[in-house]
Full PDB file with SEQRES, HELIX, SHEET, SSBOND, CRYST1, ORIGX, SCALE, CONECT and MASTER records, all heavy atoms in Angstrom:
SEQRES   1 A   32  SER ALA GLY GLY SER MET VAL HIS PRO HIS LEU GLN VAL          
SEQRES   2 A   32  HIS ALA ASP ARG ILE GLY ALA ASN HIS GLN ARG PHE LEU          
SEQRES   3 A   32  TYR ASP ARG ALA LEU THR                                      
HELIX    1 AA1 ASN A   21  LEU A   31  1                                  11    
CRYST1    1.000    1.000    1.000  90.00  90.00  90.00 P 1           1          
ORIGX1      1.000000  0.000000  0.000000        0.00000                         
ORIGX2      0.000000  1.000000  0.000000        0.00000                         
ORIGX3      0.000000  0.000000  1.000000        0.00000                         
SCALE1      1.000000  0.000000  0.000000        0.00000                         
SCALE2      0.000000  1.000000  0.000000        0.00000                         
SCALE3      0.000000  0.000000  1.000000        0.00000                         
ATOM      1  N   SER A   1      96.783-126.767 172.816  1.00  0.00           N  
ATOM      2  CA  SER A   1      95.599-125.839 172.772  1.00  0.00           C  
ATOM      3  C   SER A   1      94.724-126.046 171.559  1.00  0.00           C  
ATOM      4  O   SER A   1      93.577-125.702 171.529  1.00  0.00           O  
ATOM      5  CB  SER A   1      96.103-124.373 172.800  1.00  0.00           C  
ATOM      6  OG  SER A   1      96.864-124.083 171.653  1.00  0.00           O  
ATOM      7  N   ALA A   2      95.326-126.702 170.525  1.00  0.00           N  
ATOM      8  CA  ALA A   2      94.569-127.047 169.304  1.00  0.00           C  
ATOM      9  C   ALA A   2      94.060-128.500 169.298  1.00  0.00           C  
ATOM     10  O   ALA A   2      93.553-128.991 168.375  1.00  0.00           O  
ATOM     11  CB  ALA A   2      95.415-126.777 168.054  1.00  0.00           C  
ATOM     12  N   GLY A   3      94.321-129.157 170.473  1.00  0.00           N  
ATOM     13  CA  GLY A   3      93.877-130.541 170.569  1.00  0.00           C  
ATOM     14  C   GLY A   3      94.996-131.565 170.348  1.00  0.00           C  
ATOM     15  O   GLY A   3      94.731-132.717 170.368  1.00  0.00           O  
ATOM     16  N   GLY A   4      96.221-131.098 170.172  1.00  0.00           N  
ATOM     17  CA  GLY A   4      97.342-131.981 169.862  1.00  0.00           C  
ATOM     18  C   GLY A   4      97.813-132.647 171.208  1.00  0.00           C  
ATOM     19  O   GLY A   4      97.995-132.020 172.153  1.00  0.00           O  
ATOM     20  N   SER A   5      97.999-133.941 171.094  1.00  0.00           N  
ATOM     21  CA  SER A   5      98.430-134.685 172.234  1.00  0.00           C  
ATOM     22  C   SER A   5      99.940-134.846 172.259  1.00  0.00           C  
ATOM     23  O   SER A   5     100.560-135.198 173.330  1.00  0.00           O  
ATOM     24  CB  SER A   5      97.852-136.102 172.267  1.00  0.00           C  
ATOM     25  OG  SER A   5      98.172-136.803 171.088  1.00  0.00           O  
ATOM     26  N   MET A   6     100.649-134.498 171.115  1.00  0.00           N  
ATOM     27  CA  MET A   6     102.034-134.614 171.054  1.00  0.00           C  
ATOM     28  C   MET A   6     102.574-133.279 170.523  1.00  0.00           C  
ATOM     29  O   MET A   6     102.036-132.705 169.553  1.00  0.00           O  
ATOM     30  CB  MET A   6     102.458-135.672 170.065  1.00  0.00           C  
ATOM     31  CG  MET A   6     101.891-137.098 170.385  1.00  0.00           C  
ATOM     32  SD  MET A   6     102.560-137.759 171.819  1.00  0.00           S  
ATOM     33  CE  MET A   6     104.268-138.009 171.300  1.00  0.00           C  
ATOM     34  N   VAL A   7     103.706-132.847 171.143  1.00  0.00           N  
ATOM     35  CA  VAL A   7     104.343-131.597 170.682  1.00  0.00           C  
ATOM     36  C   VAL A   7     105.008-131.842 169.348  1.00  0.00           C  
ATOM     37  O   VAL A   7     105.052-130.939 168.477  1.00  0.00           O  
ATOM     38  CB  VAL A   7     105.392-131.111 171.753  1.00  0.00           C  
ATOM     39  CG1 VAL A   7     106.227-129.990 171.165  1.00  0.00           C  
ATOM     40  CG2 VAL A   7     104.595-130.581 172.958  1.00  0.00           C  
ATOM     41  N   HIS A   8     105.597-133.057 169.114  1.00  0.00           N  
ATOM     42  CA  HIS A   8     106.241-133.355 167.897  1.00  0.00           C  
ATOM     43  C   HIS A   8     105.291-133.211 166.691  1.00  0.00           C  
ATOM     44  O   HIS A   8     104.204-133.802 166.672  1.00  0.00           O  
ATOM     45  CB  HIS A   8     106.740-134.797 167.878  1.00  0.00           C  
ATOM     46  CG  HIS A   8     107.744-135.159 166.884  1.00  0.00           C  
ATOM     47  ND1 HIS A   8     109.011-135.664 167.147  1.00  0.00           N  
ATOM     48  CD2 HIS A   8     107.699-135.038 165.477  1.00  0.00           C  
ATOM     49  CE1 HIS A   8     109.600-135.885 166.066  1.00  0.00           C  
ATOM     50  NE2 HIS A   8     108.841-135.517 165.026  1.00  0.00           N  
ATOM     51  N   PRO A   9     105.554-132.290 165.771  1.00  0.00           N  
ATOM     52  CA  PRO A   9     104.557-131.933 164.676  1.00  0.00           C  
ATOM     53  C   PRO A   9     104.279-133.072 163.752  1.00  0.00           C  
ATOM     54  O   PRO A   9     105.148-133.824 163.326  1.00  0.00           O  
ATOM     55  CB  PRO A   9     105.243-130.763 163.994  1.00  0.00           C  
ATOM     56  CG  PRO A   9     106.673-130.853 164.243  1.00  0.00           C  
ATOM     57  CD  PRO A   9     106.821-131.510 165.654  1.00  0.00           C  
ATOM     58  N   HIS A  10     103.017-133.222 163.448  1.00  0.00           N  
ATOM     59  CA  HIS A  10     102.553-134.322 162.552  1.00  0.00           C  
ATOM     60  C   HIS A  10     101.199-133.969 161.988  1.00  0.00           C  
ATOM     61  O   HIS A  10     100.456-133.156 162.486  1.00  0.00           O  
ATOM     62  CB  HIS A  10     102.521-135.615 163.323  1.00  0.00           C  
ATOM     63  CG  HIS A  10     101.567-135.612 164.550  1.00  0.00           C  
ATOM     64  ND1 HIS A  10     101.867-135.031 165.728  1.00  0.00           N  
ATOM     65  CD2 HIS A  10     100.305-136.082 164.696  1.00  0.00           C  
ATOM     66  CE1 HIS A  10     100.847-135.125 166.569  1.00  0.00           C  
ATOM     67  NE2 HIS A  10      99.862-135.749 165.939  1.00  0.00           N  
ATOM     68  N   LEU A  11     100.863-134.691 160.949  1.00  0.00           N  
ATOM     69  CA  LEU A  11      99.506-134.653 160.374  1.00  0.00           C  
ATOM     70  C   LEU A  11      98.795-135.890 160.757  1.00  0.00           C  
ATOM     71  O   LEU A  11      99.416-136.977 160.869  1.00  0.00           O  
ATOM     72  CB  LEU A  11      99.571-134.509 158.859  1.00  0.00           C  
ATOM     73  CG  LEU A  11     100.221-133.233 158.245  1.00  0.00           C  
ATOM     74  CD1 LEU A  11     100.236-133.292 156.781  1.00  0.00           C  
ATOM     75  CD2 LEU A  11      99.480-132.000 158.745  1.00  0.00           C  
ATOM     76  N   GLN A  12      97.442-135.836 160.818  1.00  0.00           N  
ATOM     77  CA  GLN A  12      96.605-137.034 160.951  1.00  0.00           C  
ATOM     78  C   GLN A  12      95.968-137.303 159.602  1.00  0.00           C  
ATOM     79  O   GLN A  12      95.614-136.421 158.890  1.00  0.00           O  
ATOM     80  CB  GLN A  12      95.498-136.829 162.016  1.00  0.00           C  
ATOM     81  CG  GLN A  12      95.992-136.606 163.404  1.00  0.00           C  
ATOM     82  CD  GLN A  12      96.232-135.161 163.697  1.00  0.00           C  
ATOM     83  OE1 GLN A  12      95.680-134.285 163.083  1.00  0.00           O  
ATOM     84  NE2 GLN A  12      97.088-134.876 164.660  1.00  0.00           N  
ATOM     85  N   VAL A  13      95.878-138.594 159.247  1.00  0.00           N  
ATOM     86  CA  VAL A  13      95.230-139.035 158.016  1.00  0.00           C  
ATOM     87  C   VAL A  13      94.061-139.895 158.348  1.00  0.00           C  
ATOM     88  O   VAL A  13      94.173-140.766 159.211  1.00  0.00           O  
ATOM     89  CB  VAL A  13      96.271-139.799 157.144  1.00  0.00           C  
ATOM     90  CG1 VAL A  13      95.799-139.738 155.691  1.00  0.00           C  
ATOM     91  CG2 VAL A  13      97.612-139.166 157.245  1.00  0.00           C  
ATOM     92  N   HIS A  14      92.934-139.721 157.626  1.00  0.00           N  
ATOM     93  CA  HIS A  14      91.738-140.476 157.914  1.00  0.00           C  
ATOM     94  C   HIS A  14      91.108-141.039 156.640  1.00  0.00           C  
ATOM     95  O   HIS A  14      91.073-140.318 155.639  1.00  0.00           O  
ATOM     96  CB  HIS A  14      90.699-139.548 158.635  1.00  0.00           C  
ATOM     97  CG  HIS A  14      91.269-138.723 159.748  1.00  0.00           C  
ATOM     98  ND1 HIS A  14      91.418-139.173 160.986  1.00  0.00           N  
ATOM     99  CD2 HIS A  14      91.710-137.454 159.692  1.00  0.00           C  
ATOM    100  CE1 HIS A  14      91.969-138.239 161.734  1.00  0.00           C  
ATOM    101  NE2 HIS A  14      92.200-137.191 160.968  1.00  0.00           N  
ATOM    102  N   ALA A  15      90.598-142.179 156.659  1.00  0.00           N  
ATOM    103  CA  ALA A  15      89.769-142.784 155.579  1.00  0.00           C  
ATOM    104  C   ALA A  15      88.722-143.689 156.222  1.00  0.00           C  
ATOM    105  O   ALA A  15      89.136-144.529 157.114  1.00  0.00           O  
ATOM    106  CB  ALA A  15      90.654-143.531 154.610  1.00  0.00           C  
ATOM    107  N   ASP A  16      87.502-143.543 155.855  1.00  0.00           N  
ATOM    108  CA  ASP A  16      86.429-144.270 156.476  1.00  0.00           C  
ATOM    109  C   ASP A  16      85.294-144.505 155.492  1.00  0.00           C  
ATOM    110  O   ASP A  16      85.037-143.649 154.637  1.00  0.00           O  
ATOM    111  CB  ASP A  16      85.905-143.470 157.692  1.00  0.00           C  
ATOM    112  CG  ASP A  16      85.256-144.366 158.754  1.00  0.00           C  
ATOM    113  OD1 ASP A  16      84.633-145.330 158.380  1.00  0.00           O  
ATOM    114  OD2 ASP A  16      85.494-144.099 159.982  1.00  0.00           O  
ATOM    115  N   ARG A  17      84.589-145.618 155.755  1.00  0.00           N  
ATOM    116  CA  ARG A  17      83.381-145.857 154.938  1.00  0.00           C  
ATOM    117  C   ARG A  17      82.283-144.910 155.374  1.00  0.00           C  
ATOM    118  O   ARG A  17      81.439-144.528 154.504  1.00  0.00           O  
ATOM    119  CB  ARG A  17      82.956-147.307 155.190  1.00  0.00           C  
ATOM    120  CG  ARG A  17      81.623-147.723 154.497  1.00  0.00           C  
ATOM    121  CD  ARG A  17      81.364-149.232 154.731  1.00  0.00           C  
ATOM    122  NE  ARG A  17      81.192-149.490 156.153  1.00  0.00           N  
ATOM    123  CZ  ARG A  17      80.042-149.260 156.880  1.00  0.00           C  
ATOM    124  NH1 ARG A  17      78.977-148.760 156.306  1.00  0.00           N  
ATOM    125  NH2 ARG A  17      80.037-149.535 158.149  1.00  0.00           N  
ATOM    126  N   ILE A  18      82.243-144.566 156.654  1.00  0.00           N  
ATOM    127  CA  ILE A  18      81.148-143.676 157.168  1.00  0.00           C  
ATOM    128  C   ILE A  18      81.714-142.262 157.186  1.00  0.00           C  
ATOM    129  O   ILE A  18      82.755-141.974 157.871  1.00  0.00           O  
ATOM    130  CB  ILE A  18      80.766-144.129 158.546  1.00  0.00           C  
ATOM    131  CG1 ILE A  18      80.216-145.557 158.517  1.00  0.00           C  
ATOM    132  CG2 ILE A  18      79.689-143.200 159.180  1.00  0.00           C  
ATOM    133  CD1 ILE A  18      79.951-146.168 159.842  1.00  0.00           C  
ATOM    134  N   GLY A  19      81.050-141.355 156.583  1.00  0.00           N  
ATOM    135  CA  GLY A  19      81.515-139.929 156.534  1.00  0.00           C  
ATOM    136  C   GLY A  19      81.307-139.232 157.868  1.00  0.00           C  
ATOM    137  O   GLY A  19      80.343-139.492 158.566  1.00  0.00           O  
ATOM    138  N   ALA A  20      82.182-138.246 158.146  1.00  0.00           N  
ATOM    139  CA  ALA A  20      81.951-137.323 159.228  1.00  0.00           C  
ATOM    140  C   ALA A  20      80.864-136.322 158.909  1.00  0.00           C  
ATOM    141  O   ALA A  20      80.468-136.231 157.741  1.00  0.00           O  
ATOM    142  CB  ALA A  20      83.261-136.630 159.592  1.00  0.00           C  
ATOM    143  N   ASN A  21      80.391-135.613 159.910  1.00  0.00           N  
ATOM    144  CA  ASN A  21      79.285-134.658 159.656  1.00  0.00           C  
ATOM    145  C   ASN A  21      79.583-133.765 158.522  1.00  0.00           C  
ATOM    146  O   ASN A  21      78.777-133.479 157.655  1.00  0.00           O  
ATOM    147  CB  ASN A  21      78.947-133.909 160.952  1.00  0.00           C  
ATOM    148  CG  ASN A  21      78.316-134.788 161.941  1.00  0.00           C  
ATOM    149  OD1 ASN A  21      77.421-135.598 161.614  1.00  0.00           O  
ATOM    150  ND2 ASN A  21      78.653-134.596 163.225  1.00  0.00           N  
ATOM    151  N   HIS A  22      80.811-133.050 158.585  1.00  0.00           N  
ATOM    152  CA  HIS A  22      81.097-132.083 157.499  1.00  0.00           C  
ATOM    153  C   HIS A  22      81.241-132.784 156.144  1.00  0.00           C  
ATOM    154  O   HIS A  22      80.756-132.136 155.145  1.00  0.00           O  
ATOM    155  CB  HIS A  22      82.395-131.422 157.883  1.00  0.00           C  
ATOM    156  CG  HIS A  22      82.377-130.438 158.974  1.00  0.00           C  
ATOM    157  ND1 HIS A  22      81.173-129.939 159.486  1.00  0.00           N  
ATOM    158  CD2 HIS A  22      83.336-129.770 159.777  1.00  0.00           C  
ATOM    159  CE1 HIS A  22      81.420-129.101 160.438  1.00  0.00           C  
ATOM    160  NE2 HIS A  22      82.713-129.046 160.650  1.00  0.00           N  
ATOM    161  N   GLN A  23      81.737-133.857 156.078  1.00  0.00           N  
ATOM    162  CA  GLN A  23      81.886-134.589 154.754  1.00  0.00           C  
ATOM    163  C   GLN A  23      80.488-134.891 154.149  1.00  0.00           C  
ATOM    164  O   GLN A  23      80.303-134.617 152.984  1.00  0.00           O  
ATOM    165  CB  GLN A  23      82.721-135.886 154.903  1.00  0.00           C  
ATOM    166  CG  GLN A  23      84.147-135.583 155.170  1.00  0.00           C  
ATOM    167  CD  GLN A  23      84.889-136.820 155.648  1.00  0.00           C  
ATOM    168  OE1 GLN A  23      84.383-137.613 156.469  1.00  0.00           O  
ATOM    169  NE2 GLN A  23      86.096-137.042 155.119  1.00  0.00           N  
ATOM    170  N   ARG A  24      79.633-135.448 155.029  1.00  0.00           N  
ATOM    171  CA  ARG A  24      78.283-135.803 154.467  1.00  0.00           C  
ATOM    172  C   ARG A  24      77.454-134.537 154.047  1.00  0.00           C  
ATOM    173  O   ARG A  24      76.863-134.451 153.005  1.00  0.00           O  
ATOM    174  CB  ARG A  24      77.533-136.587 155.490  1.00  0.00           C  
ATOM    175  CG  ARG A  24      78.050-138.019 155.729  1.00  0.00           C  
ATOM    176  CD  ARG A  24      77.278-138.835 156.666  1.00  0.00           C  
ATOM    177  NE  ARG A  24      77.494-138.402 158.076  1.00  0.00           N  
ATOM    178  CZ  ARG A  24      76.667-137.813 158.824  1.00  0.00           C  
ATOM    179  NH1 ARG A  24      75.506-137.405 158.343  1.00  0.00           N  
ATOM    180  NH2 ARG A  24      76.967-137.524 160.072  1.00  0.00           N  
ATOM    181  N   PHE A  25      77.552-133.521 154.897  1.00  0.00           N  
ATOM    182  CA  PHE A  25      76.755-132.294 154.578  1.00  0.00           C  
ATOM    183  C   PHE A  25      77.331-131.572 153.355  1.00  0.00           C  
ATOM    184  O   PHE A  25      76.569-131.249 152.466  1.00  0.00           O  
ATOM    185  CB  PHE A  25      76.814-131.318 155.741  1.00  0.00           C  
ATOM    186  CG  PHE A  25      76.291-129.954 155.415  1.00  0.00           C  
ATOM    187  CD1 PHE A  25      74.913-129.769 155.414  1.00  0.00           C  
ATOM    188  CD2 PHE A  25      77.071-128.924 155.048  1.00  0.00           C  
ATOM    189  CE1 PHE A  25      74.376-128.511 155.060  1.00  0.00           C  
ATOM    190  CE2 PHE A  25      76.572-127.660 154.796  1.00  0.00           C  
ATOM    191  CZ  PHE A  25      75.216-127.462 154.778  1.00  0.00           C  
ATOM    192  N   LEU A  26      78.685-131.402 153.288  1.00  0.00           N  
ATOM    193  CA  LEU A  26      79.284-130.707 152.153  1.00  0.00           C  
ATOM    194  C   LEU A  26      79.129-131.498 150.872  1.00  0.00           C  
ATOM    195  O   LEU A  26      78.917-130.922 149.814  1.00  0.00           O  
ATOM    196  CB  LEU A  26      80.746-130.394 152.470  1.00  0.00           C  
ATOM    197  CG  LEU A  26      80.955-129.335 153.551  1.00  0.00           C  
ATOM    198  CD1 LEU A  26      82.486-129.276 153.854  1.00  0.00           C  
ATOM    199  CD2 LEU A  26      80.440-127.945 153.144  1.00  0.00           C  
ATOM    200  N   TYR A  27      79.216-132.777 150.941  1.00  0.00           N  
ATOM    201  CA  TYR A  27      78.990-133.642 149.766  1.00  0.00           C  
ATOM    202  C   TYR A  27      77.620-133.357 149.157  1.00  0.00           C  
ATOM    203  O   TYR A  27      77.470-133.129 147.921  1.00  0.00           O  
ATOM    204  CB  TYR A  27      79.213-135.079 150.101  1.00  0.00           C  
ATOM    205  CG  TYR A  27      78.975-136.041 148.961  1.00  0.00           C  
ATOM    206  CD1 TYR A  27      79.984-136.374 148.107  1.00  0.00           C  
ATOM    207  CD2 TYR A  27      77.732-136.610 148.701  1.00  0.00           C  
ATOM    208  CE1 TYR A  27      79.865-137.218 146.982  1.00  0.00           C  
ATOM    209  CE2 TYR A  27      77.542-137.445 147.609  1.00  0.00           C  
ATOM    210  CZ  TYR A  27      78.588-137.762 146.805  1.00  0.00           C  
ATOM    211  OH  TYR A  27      78.440-138.655 145.746  1.00  0.00           O  
ATOM    212  N   ASP A  28      76.645-133.416 149.976  1.00  0.00           N  
ATOM    213  CA  ASP A  28      75.274-133.226 149.505  1.00  0.00           C  
ATOM    214  C   ASP A  28      75.021-131.766 149.006  1.00  0.00           C  
ATOM    215  O   ASP A  28      74.401-131.537 148.007  1.00  0.00           O  
ATOM    216  CB  ASP A  28      74.258-133.514 150.684  1.00  0.00           C  
ATOM    217  CG  ASP A  28      74.116-134.962 150.967  1.00  0.00           C  
ATOM    218  OD1 ASP A  28      74.581-135.791 150.180  1.00  0.00           O  
ATOM    219  OD2 ASP A  28      73.625-135.270 152.094  1.00  0.00           O  
ATOM    220  N   ARG A  29      75.584-130.818 149.729  1.00  0.00           N  
ATOM    221  CA  ARG A  29      75.456-129.373 149.330  1.00  0.00           C  
ATOM    222  C   ARG A  29      76.108-129.114 147.977  1.00  0.00           C  
ATOM    223  O   ARG A  29      75.545-128.463 147.121  1.00  0.00           O  
ATOM    224  CB  ARG A  29      76.101-128.562 150.446  1.00  0.00           C  
ATOM    225  CG  ARG A  29      75.885-127.034 150.206  1.00  0.00           C  
ATOM    226  CD  ARG A  29      74.545-126.620 150.652  1.00  0.00           C  
ATOM    227  NE  ARG A  29      74.439-125.136 150.660  1.00  0.00           N  
ATOM    228  CZ  ARG A  29      74.172-124.457 149.526  1.00  0.00           C  
ATOM    229  NH1 ARG A  29      73.990-125.103 148.368  1.00  0.00           N  
ATOM    230  NH2 ARG A  29      74.104-123.131 149.562  1.00  0.00           N  
ATOM    231  N   ALA A  30      77.321-129.681 147.768  1.00  0.00           N  
ATOM    232  CA  ALA A  30      78.028-129.487 146.552  1.00  0.00           C  
ATOM    233  C   ALA A  30      77.309-130.182 145.361  1.00  0.00           C  
ATOM    234  O   ALA A  30      77.274-129.681 144.308  1.00  0.00           O  
ATOM    235  CB  ALA A  30      79.449-129.965 146.644  1.00  0.00           C  
ATOM    236  N   LEU A  31      76.762-131.337 145.663  1.00  0.00           N  
ATOM    237  CA  LEU A  31      76.085-132.112 144.604  1.00  0.00           C  
ATOM    238  C   LEU A  31      74.796-131.400 144.168  1.00  0.00           C  
ATOM    239  O   LEU A  31      74.510-131.329 142.952  1.00  0.00           O  
ATOM    240  CB  LEU A  31      75.772-133.521 145.099  1.00  0.00           C  
ATOM    241  CG  LEU A  31      75.173-134.507 144.037  1.00  0.00           C  
ATOM    242  CD1 LEU A  31      76.124-134.691 142.858  1.00  0.00           C  
ATOM    243  CD2 LEU A  31      74.863-135.880 144.754  1.00  0.00           C  
ATOM    244  N   THR A  32      74.066-130.839 145.121  1.00  0.00           N  
ATOM    245  CA  THR A  32      72.861-130.104 144.809  1.00  0.00           C  
ATOM    246  C   THR A  32      73.204-128.902 143.958  1.00  0.00           C  
ATOM    247  O   THR A  32      72.468-128.620 142.946  1.00  0.00           O  
ATOM    248  CB  THR A  32      72.162-129.651 146.076  1.00  0.00           C  
ATOM    249  OG1 THR A  32      71.771-130.820 146.842  1.00  0.00           O  
ATOM    250  CG2 THR A  32      70.973-128.852 145.790  1.00  0.00           C  
TER     251      THR A  32                                                      
MASTER        0    0    0    1    0    0    0    6  250    1    0    3          
END                                                                             
C-alpha cells in the first residue's frame, strides 16, 4: 500500500547526477 514490491523489509538508496524534483527545489529554497 506504500508502494513496496517486496514484503521483506528494506531501504532503497539513491545517488544521481540529476536531482529529483524535491531535491532541486529544496536545495534552491535553502540556499536562498
